[in-house]
Amino acid sequence: MAVGNNPSAATATTSVHEALDKMPRFLRSRGDCSPHPESTRLVQSGRGHRKCEHSAHDEKGEIVMPFWRIHHPVEAYTDQDKEDFAKAITARYAAEMPAFYCDVFFYEVEKRNAFRGGEAVDNFVRLQVEHIARAIDGKVMQEFIMDMLTETIRPWLDGRGHDWEMSIGEMPAELWRVDGLTPPPFRSPAEKRWMKDNKSSPYDWTETVGLNADGQIVGLVDPRG
């Protein structure tokens, strides 16, 4: 789609520039990609709207939808422990996404159902974390995330006689829905409303100027044409 003589495209390009100027530096494109028509093009996306692509590599926002499963011995945690544990985990994510994206489930496991190294155990906590939406790119970022989360959960593990293990898996955003809705783009007006309300709600294309899973600007043109 050429930008030159198309009023809608020109308006969209202007919106691209305005969005880029307002973005935090770490979310802007790297390299020599400047917000000018010659370095920006509009392409049709698979979801019926157009997105902005840049000639330089795009830097991804490191944002995720966390689902924590905590398998623990019977009576290892009181109800208050679980609530405090879940709130501490959620707080690590809630500054950059709706708090209700963070799910924390606790599972009590009897000794007869828990084996480590082939031996029944009653002092082992296994934490499985699933991140959806953006991949955690790069060794440094991966180590930072692991260290940050490890320090967050230590108060409920160290000093209580528990051996423990944690792992993080990643899934693509395309396989994620919330109450049947496709979550809005990162830092879009719709996502900010979801954060404020702490619940999902329908939204339209006018609220979707944000970032997709590749760190590209999306939602700039009315999908109705």
C-alpha atoms as a PDB file:
ATOM      1  CA  MET A   1       0.000   0.000   0.000  1.00  0.00           C
ATOM      2  CA  ALA A   2       1.577   3.295  -1.063  1.00  0.00           C
ATOM      3  CA  VAL A   3       1.536   6.194   1.334  1.00  0.00           C
ATOM      4  CA  GLY A   4       2.008   8.954  -1.245  1.00  0.00           C
ATOM      5  CA  ASN A   5      -1.479   9.991  -2.417  1.00  0.00           C
ATOM      6  CA  ASN A   6      -3.673   8.146   0.050  1.00  0.00           C
ATOM      7  CA  PRO A   7      -5.139  10.481   2.723  1.00  0.00           C
ATOM      8  CA  SER A   8      -5.858   7.602   5.122  1.00  0.00           C
ATOM      9  CA  ALA A   9      -2.317   6.314   4.774  1.00  0.00           C
ATOM     10  CA  ALA A  10      -0.904   9.803   5.335  1.00  0.00           C
ATOM     11  CA  THR A  11      -2.972  10.159   8.486  1.00  0.00           C
ATOM     12  CA  ALA A  12      -1.819   6.749   9.671  1.00  0.00           C
ATOM     13  CA  THR A  13       1.815   7.673   9.016  1.00  0.00           C
ATOM     14  CA  THR A  14       1.395  10.829  11.092  1.00  0.00           C
ATOM     15  CA  SER A  15      -0.036   8.677  13.878  1.00  0.00           C
ATOM     16  CA  VAL A  16       3.016   6.446  13.621  1.00  0.00           C
ATOM     17  CA  HIS A  17       5.302   9.413  14.169  1.00  0.00           C
ATOM     18  CA  GLU A  18       3.290  10.673  17.124  1.00  0.00           C
ATOM     19  CA  ALA A  19       3.240   7.217  18.719  1.00  0.00           C
ATOM     20  CA  LEU A  20       6.982   6.809  18.266  1.00  0.00           C
ATOM     21  CA  ASP A  21       7.679  10.169  19.865  1.00  0.00           C
ATOM     22  CA  LYS A  22       5.602   9.237  22.929  1.00  0.00           C
ATOM     23  CA  MET A  23       7.093   5.781  23.412  1.00  0.00           C
ATOM     24  CA  PRO A  24       9.656   5.043  26.112  1.00  0.00           C
ATOM     25  CA  ARG A  25      13.144   4.854  24.624  1.00  0.00           C
ATOM     26  CA  PHE A  26      13.605   1.129  25.292  1.00  0.00           C
ATOM     27  CA  LEU A  27      10.506   0.360  23.208  1.00  0.00           C
ATOM     28  CA  ARG A  28      11.528   2.406  20.180  1.00  0.00           C
ATOM     29  CA  SER A  29      13.262   0.927  17.166  1.00  0.00           C
ATOM     30  CA  ARG A  30      16.999   0.501  17.393  1.00  0.00           C
ATOM     31  CA  GLY A  31      19.626   1.468  14.853  1.00  0.00           C
ATOM     32  CA  ASP A  32      19.051   4.226  12.293  1.00  0.00           C
ATOM     33  CA  CYS A  33      15.315   3.726  11.833  1.00  0.00           C
ATOM     34  CA  SER A  34      13.918   7.255  11.908  1.00  0.00           C
ATOM     35  CA  PRO A  35      10.226   8.169  12.028  1.00  0.00           C
ATOM     36  CA  HIS A  36      10.018   9.330   8.408  1.00  0.00           C
ATOM     37  CA  PRO A  37       7.825   8.069   5.537  1.00  0.00           C
ATOM     38  CA  GLU A  38      10.808   6.580   3.689  1.00  0.00           C
ATOM     39  CA  SER A  39      11.673   4.312   6.620  1.00  0.00           C
ATOM     40  CA  THR A  40       8.074   3.368   7.435  1.00  0.00           C
ATOM     41  CA  ARG A  41       5.606   1.275   5.465  1.00  0.00           C
ATOM     42  CA  LEU A  42       2.095   0.040   6.131  1.00  0.00           C
ATOM     43  CA  VAL A  43       1.265  -3.595   5.476  1.00  0.00           C
ATOM     44  CA  GLN A  44      -1.880  -5.671   5.842  1.00  0.00           C
ATOM     45  CA  SER A  45      -1.778  -7.908   8.910  1.00  0.00           C
ATOM     46  CA  GLY A  46      -3.406 -11.286   9.281  1.00  0.00           C
ATOM     47  CA  ARG A  47      -5.946  -9.937  11.803  1.00  0.00           C
ATOM     48  CA  GLY A  48      -7.583  -7.460   9.434  1.00  0.00           C
ATOM     49  CA  HIS A  49      -5.774  -4.268  10.421  1.00  0.00           C
ATOM     50  CA  ARG A  50      -2.596  -2.624   9.259  1.00  0.00           C
ATOM     51  CA  LYS A  51       0.614  -2.329  11.180  1.00  0.00           C
ATOM     52  CA  CYS A  52       3.739  -0.242  10.891  1.00  0.00           C
ATOM     53  CA  GLU A  53       6.998  -1.995  10.074  1.00  0.00           C
ATOM     54  CA  HIS A  54      10.447  -0.409  10.282  1.00  0.00           C
ATOM     55  CA  SER A  55      13.549  -1.079   8.247  1.00  0.00           C
ATOM     56  CA  ALA A  56      15.704  -1.499  11.349  1.00  0.00           C
ATOM     57  CA  HIS A  57      15.339  -4.227  13.952  1.00  0.00           C
ATOM     58  CA  ASP A  58      12.492  -3.562  16.396  1.00  0.00           C
ATOM     59  CA  GLU A  59      13.148  -3.820  20.120  1.00  0.00           C
ATOM     60  CA  LYS A  60      10.523  -5.835  21.965  1.00  0.00           C
ATOM     61  CA  GLY A  61       8.803  -4.745  25.139  1.00  0.00           C
ATOM     62  CA  GLU A  62       9.514  -7.472  27.687  1.00  0.00           C
ATOM     63  CA  ILE A  63       5.964  -8.040  28.823  1.00  0.00           C
ATOM     64  CA  VAL A  64       4.316 -11.322  29.654  1.00  0.00           C
ATOM     65  CA  MET A  65       1.108 -12.962  30.893  1.00  0.00           C
ATOM     66  CA  PRO A  66       2.228 -15.065  33.862  1.00  0.00           C
ATOM     67  CA  PHE A  67       0.585 -18.271  35.040  1.00  0.00           C
ATOM     68  CA  TRP A  68       2.163 -19.737  38.175  1.00  0.00           C
ATOM     69  CA  ARG A  69       1.543 -23.269  39.415  1.00  0.00           C
ATOM     70  CA  ILE A  70       2.958 -23.934  42.883  1.00  0.00           C
ATOM     71  CA  HIS A  71       2.997 -27.596  43.938  1.00  0.00           C
ATOM     72  CA  HIS A  72       3.738 -27.912  47.652  1.00  0.00           C
ATOM     73  CA  PRO A  73       3.482 -30.332  50.610  1.00  0.00           C
ATOM     74  CA  VAL A  74       0.231 -30.534  52.554  1.00  0.00           C
ATOM     75  CA  GLU A  75      -0.101 -27.687  55.088  1.00  0.00           C
ATOM     76  CA  ALA A  76       3.109 -26.057  53.893  1.00  0.00           C
ATOM     77  CA  TYR A  77       1.250 -22.746  53.582  1.00  0.00           C
ATOM     78  CA  THR A  78      -1.628 -21.166  55.451  1.00  0.00           C
ATOM     79  CA  ASP A  79      -4.362 -19.325  53.571  1.00  0.00           C
ATOM     80  CA  GLN A  80      -2.682 -16.042  54.549  1.00  0.00           C
ATOM     81  CA  ASP A  81       0.683 -17.333  53.292  1.00  0.00           C
ATOM     82  CA  LYS A  82      -0.879 -18.140  49.932  1.00  0.00           C
ATOM     83  CA  GLU A  83      -2.520 -14.740  49.624  1.00  0.00           C
ATOM     84  CA  ASP A  84       0.705 -12.910  50.535  1.00  0.00           C
ATOM     85  CA  PHE A  85       2.734 -15.159  48.218  1.00  0.00           C
ATOM     86  CA  ALA A  86       0.358 -14.521  45.285  1.00  0.00           C
ATOM     87  CA  LYS A  87       0.311 -10.752  45.905  1.00  0.00           C
ATOM     88  CA  ALA A  88       4.126 -10.594  45.982  1.00  0.00           C
ATOM     89  CA  ILE A  89       4.316 -12.403  42.650  1.00  0.00           C
ATOM     90  CA  THR A  90       1.581 -10.278  41.073  1.00  0.00           C
ATOM     91  CA  ALA A  91       3.243  -7.051  42.191  1.00  0.00           C
ATOM     92  CA  ARG A  92       6.280  -7.918  40.055  1.00  0.00           C
ATOM     93  CA  TYR A  93       4.155  -7.805  36.923  1.00  0.00           C
ATOM     94  CA  ALA A  94       1.338  -5.369  37.677  1.00  0.00           C
ATOM     95  CA  ALA A  95       3.354  -2.208  36.984  1.00  0.00           C
ATOM     96  CA  GLU A  96       3.481  -3.112  33.277  1.00  0.00           C
ATOM     97  CA  MET A  97       0.235  -5.025  32.683  1.00  0.00           C
ATOM     98  CA  PRO A  98      -3.265  -5.563  34.080  1.00  0.00           C
ATOM     99  CA  ALA A  99      -2.917  -7.281  37.450  1.00  0.00           C
ATOM    100  CA  PHE A 100      -5.558  -9.858  36.532  1.00  0.00           C
ATOM    101  CA  TYR A 101      -3.226 -11.222  33.838  1.00  0.00           C
ATOM    102  CA  CYS A 102      -1.233 -12.846  36.659  1.00  0.00           C
ATOM    103  CA  ASP A 103      -2.672 -16.208  37.769  1.00  0.00           C
ATOM    104  CA  VAL A 104      -1.250 -18.048  40.785  1.00  0.00           C
ATOM    105  CA  PHE A 105      -2.582 -21.522  41.626  1.00  0.00           C
ATOM    106  CA  PHE A 106      -1.541 -23.584  44.636  1.00  0.00           C
ATOM    107  CA  TYR A 107      -1.669 -27.390  44.626  1.00  0.00           C
ATOM    108  CA  GLU A 108      -1.234 -29.452  47.786  1.00  0.00           C
ATOM    109  CA  VAL A 109       0.585 -32.717  47.099  1.00  0.00           C
ATOM    110  CA  GLU A 110       0.663 -35.605  49.587  1.00  0.00           C
ATOM    111  CA  LYS A 111       3.946 -37.418  50.151  1.00  0.00           C
ATOM    112  CA  ARG A 112       2.570 -40.533  48.484  1.00  0.00           C
ATOM    113  CA  ASN A 113       2.042 -38.499  45.304  1.00  0.00           C
ATOM    114  CA  ALA A 114       5.344 -36.579  45.235  1.00  0.00           C
ATOM    115  CA  PHE A 115       8.580 -38.199  44.106  1.00  0.00           C
ATOM    116  CA  ARG A 116      11.968 -36.641  43.485  1.00  0.00           C
ATOM    117  CA  GLY A 117      14.756 -38.809  42.187  1.00  0.00           C
ATOM    118  CA  GLY A 118      12.441 -41.769  42.591  1.00  0.00           C
ATOM    119  CA  GLU A 119      12.000 -41.155  46.334  1.00  0.00           C
ATOM    120  CA  ALA A 120       8.815 -39.953  48.046  1.00  0.00           C
ATOM    121  CA  VAL A 121       9.270 -36.434  49.490  1.00  0.00           C
ATOM    122  CA  ASP A 122       7.266 -34.154  51.757  1.00  0.00           C
ATOM    123  CA  ASN A 123       9.501 -31.070  51.791  1.00  0.00           C
ATOM    124  CA  PHE A 124       9.704 -30.228  48.077  1.00  0.00           C
ATOM    125  CA  VAL A 125       8.074 -27.243  46.343  1.00  0.00           C
ATOM    126  CA  ARG A 126       7.922 -27.228  42.552  1.00  0.00           C
ATOM    127  CA  LEU A 127       7.118 -23.953  40.802  1.00  0.00           C
ATOM    128  CA  GLN A 128       6.071 -23.971  37.152  1.00  0.00           C
ATOM    129  CA  VAL A 129       5.775 -20.578  35.504  1.00  0.00           C
ATOM    130  CA  GLU A 130       4.203 -20.008  32.095  1.00  0.00           C
ATOM    131  CA  HIS A 131       4.792 -16.719  30.313  1.00  0.00           C
ATOM    132  CA  ILE A 132       2.592 -15.721  27.399  1.00  0.00           C
ATOM    133  CA  ALA A 133       2.762 -12.676  25.114  1.00  0.00           C
ATOM    134  CA  ARG A 134       6.401 -11.626  24.686  1.00  0.00           C
ATOM    135  CA  ALA A 135       9.439 -13.879  24.703  1.00  0.00           C
ATOM    136  CA  ILE A 136      12.228 -13.022  27.135  1.00  0.00           C
ATOM    137  CA  ASP A 137      15.040 -12.384  24.662  1.00  0.00           C
ATOM    138  CA  GLY A 138      18.736 -12.656  25.424  1.00  0.00           C
ATOM    139  CA  LYS A 139      20.752 -14.383  28.121  1.00  0.00           C
ATOM    140  CA  VAL A 140      21.200 -11.239  30.217  1.00  0.00           C
ATOM    141  CA  MET A 141      17.450 -10.523  30.288  1.00  0.00           C
ATOM    142  CA  GLN A 142      16.652 -14.164  31.034  1.00  0.00           C
ATOM    143  CA  GLU A 143      19.068 -14.215  33.963  1.00  0.00           C
ATOM    144  CA  PHE A 144      17.700 -10.901  35.230  1.00  0.00           C
ATOM    145  CA  ILE A 145      14.110 -12.191  35.161  1.00  0.00           C
ATOM    146  CA  MET A 146      15.100 -15.448  36.885  1.00  0.00           C
ATOM    147  CA  ASP A 147      17.064 -13.608  39.590  1.00  0.00           C
ATOM    148  CA  MET A 148      14.275 -11.085  40.174  1.00  0.00           C
ATOM    149  CA  LEU A 149      11.598 -13.762  40.528  1.00  0.00           C
ATOM    150  CA  THR A 150      13.857 -15.927  42.691  1.00  0.00           C
ATOM    151  CA  GLU A 151      14.362 -13.085  45.165  1.00  0.00           C
ATOM    152  CA  THR A 152      10.611 -12.426  45.161  1.00  0.00           C
ATOM    153  CA  ILE A 153       9.695 -15.964  46.216  1.00  0.00           C
ATOM    154  CA  ARG A 154      12.547 -16.701  48.657  1.00  0.00           C
ATOM    155  CA  PRO A 155      10.625 -15.567  51.789  1.00  0.00           C
ATOM    156  CA  TRP A 156       8.122 -18.416  51.268  1.00  0.00           C
ATOM    157  CA  LEU A 157      10.751 -21.066  50.545  1.00  0.00           C
ATOM    158  CA  ASP A 158      14.075 -20.480  52.276  1.00  0.00           C
ATOM    159  CA  GLY A 159      14.098 -21.017  56.018  1.00  0.00           C
ATOM    160  CA  ARG A 160      11.009 -23.248  55.931  1.00  0.00           C
ATOM    161  CA  GLY A 161      12.884 -26.467  55.333  1.00  0.00           C
ATOM    162  CA  HIS A 162      11.734 -26.736  51.722  1.00  0.00           C
ATOM    163  CA  ASP A 163      13.816 -27.897  48.805  1.00  0.00           C
ATOM    164  CA  TRP A 164      12.520 -26.186  45.695  1.00  0.00           C
ATOM    165  CA  GLU A 165      12.837 -25.800  41.955  1.00  0.00           C
ATOM    166  CA  MET A 166      11.457 -23.276  39.464  1.00  0.00           C
ATOM    167  CA  SER A 167      11.232 -23.265  35.688  1.00  0.00           C
ATOM    168  CA  ILE A 168       9.747 -20.853  33.140  1.00  0.00           C
ATOM    169  CA  GLY A 169       8.131 -21.878  29.869  1.00  0.00           C
ATOM    170  CA  GLU A 170       6.985 -19.564  27.069  1.00  0.00           C
ATOM    171  CA  MET A 171       3.975 -19.646  24.763  1.00  0.00           C
ATOM    172  CA  PRO A 172       3.029 -17.414  21.801  1.00  0.00           C
ATOM    173  CA  ALA A 173       0.487 -14.632  22.294  1.00  0.00           C
ATOM    174  CA  GLU A 174      -1.527 -15.946  19.350  1.00  0.00           C
ATOM    175  CA  LEU A 175      -2.670 -18.850  21.547  1.00  0.00           C
ATOM    176  CA  TRP A 176      -3.996 -16.597  24.323  1.00  0.00           C
ATOM    177  CA  ARG A 177      -7.495 -15.194  24.969  1.00  0.00           C
ATOM    178  CA  VAL A 178      -9.018 -13.495  28.011  1.00  0.00           C
ATOM    179  CA  ASP A 179     -12.766 -13.984  28.474  1.00  0.00           C
ATOM    180  CA  GLY A 180     -12.875 -14.811  24.768  1.00  0.00           C
ATOM    181  CA  LEU A 181     -11.174 -11.524  23.810  1.00  0.00           C
ATOM    182  CA  THR A 182      -7.830 -11.011  22.119  1.00  0.00           C
ATOM    183  CA  PRO A 183      -5.831  -8.953  24.659  1.00  0.00           C
ATOM    184  CA  PRO A 184      -5.164  -5.408  23.403  1.00  0.00           C
ATOM    185  CA  PRO A 185      -1.681  -4.342  22.291  1.00  0.00           C
ATOM    186  CA  PHE A 186       0.940  -3.432  24.871  1.00  0.00           C
ATOM    187  CA  ARG A 187       0.441   0.076  26.317  1.00  0.00           C
ATOM    188  CA  SER A 188      -2.540   0.771  24.078  1.00  0.00           C
ATOM    189  CA  PRO A 189      -5.481   2.798  25.435  1.00  0.00           C
ATOM    190  CA  ALA A 190      -7.505  -0.423  25.695  1.00  0.00           C
ATOM    191  CA  GLU A 191      -4.817  -2.141  27.775  1.00  0.00           C
ATOM    192  CA  LYS A 192      -4.509   0.916  30.022  1.00  0.00           C
ATOM    193  CA  ARG A 193      -8.268   0.752  30.601  1.00  0.00           C
ATOM    194  CA  TRP A 194      -8.002  -2.946  31.437  1.00  0.00           C
ATOM    195  CA  MET A 195      -5.255  -2.059  33.931  1.00  0.00           C
ATOM    196  CA  LYS A 196      -7.364   0.675  35.536  1.00  0.00           C
ATOM    197  CA  ASP A 197     -10.509  -1.493  35.750  1.00  0.00           C
ATOM    198  CA  ASN A 198      -8.555  -4.678  36.568  1.00  0.00           C
ATOM    199  CA  LYS A 199     -10.852  -6.641  34.279  1.00  0.00           C
ATOM    200  CA  SER A 200     -11.352  -7.314  30.585  1.00  0.00           C
ATOM    201  CA  SER A 201     -13.942  -5.528  28.443  1.00  0.00           C
ATOM    202  CA  PRO A 202     -14.676  -5.179  24.715  1.00  0.00           C
ATOM    203  CA  TYR A 203     -12.732  -2.564  22.777  1.00  0.00           C
ATOM    204  CA  ASP A 204     -12.607  -1.276  19.210  1.00  0.00           C
ATOM    205  CA  TRP A 205      -9.841  -0.363  16.777  1.00  0.00           C
ATOM    206  CA  THR A 206      -9.644   3.237  18.010  1.00  0.00           C
ATOM    207  CA  GLU A 207      -8.222   1.969  21.332  1.00  0.00           C
ATOM    208  CA  THR A 208      -5.571  -0.329  19.885  1.00  0.00           C
ATOM    209  CA  VAL A 209      -2.595   1.892  19.059  1.00  0.00           C
ATOM    210  CA  GLY A 210       0.177  -0.053  20.752  1.00  0.00           C
ATOM    211  CA  LEU A 211       2.715  -2.829  20.169  1.00  0.00           C
ATOM    212  CA  ASN A 212       2.210  -6.338  18.835  1.00  0.00           C
ATOM    213  CA  ALA A 213       4.199  -9.443  19.856  1.00  0.00           C
ATOM    214  CA  ASP A 214       7.052  -8.378  17.531  1.00  0.00           C
ATOM    215  CA  GLY A 215       7.368  -4.924  19.060  1.00  0.00           C
ATOM    216  CA  GLN A 216       5.779  -3.285  16.007  1.00  0.00           C
ATOM    217  CA  ILE A 217       3.189  -0.503  16.161  1.00  0.00           C
ATOM    218  CA  VAL A 218      -0.308  -1.792  15.386  1.00  0.00           C
ATOM    219  CA  GLY A 219      -3.900  -0.563  15.260  1.00  0.00           C
ATOM    220  CA  LEU A 220      -3.223   2.616  13.287  1.00  0.00           C
ATOM    221  CA  VAL A 221      -5.831   2.247  10.529  1.00  0.00           C
ATOM    222  CA  ASP A 222      -9.551   1.487  10.686  1.00  0.00           C
ATOM    223  CA  PRO A 223      -9.771  -2.210   9.604  1.00  0.00           C
ATOM    224  CA  ARG A 224     -13.043  -1.419   7.845  1.00  0.00           C
ATOM    225  CA  GLY A 225     -11.029   0.432   5.216  1.00  0.00           C
END
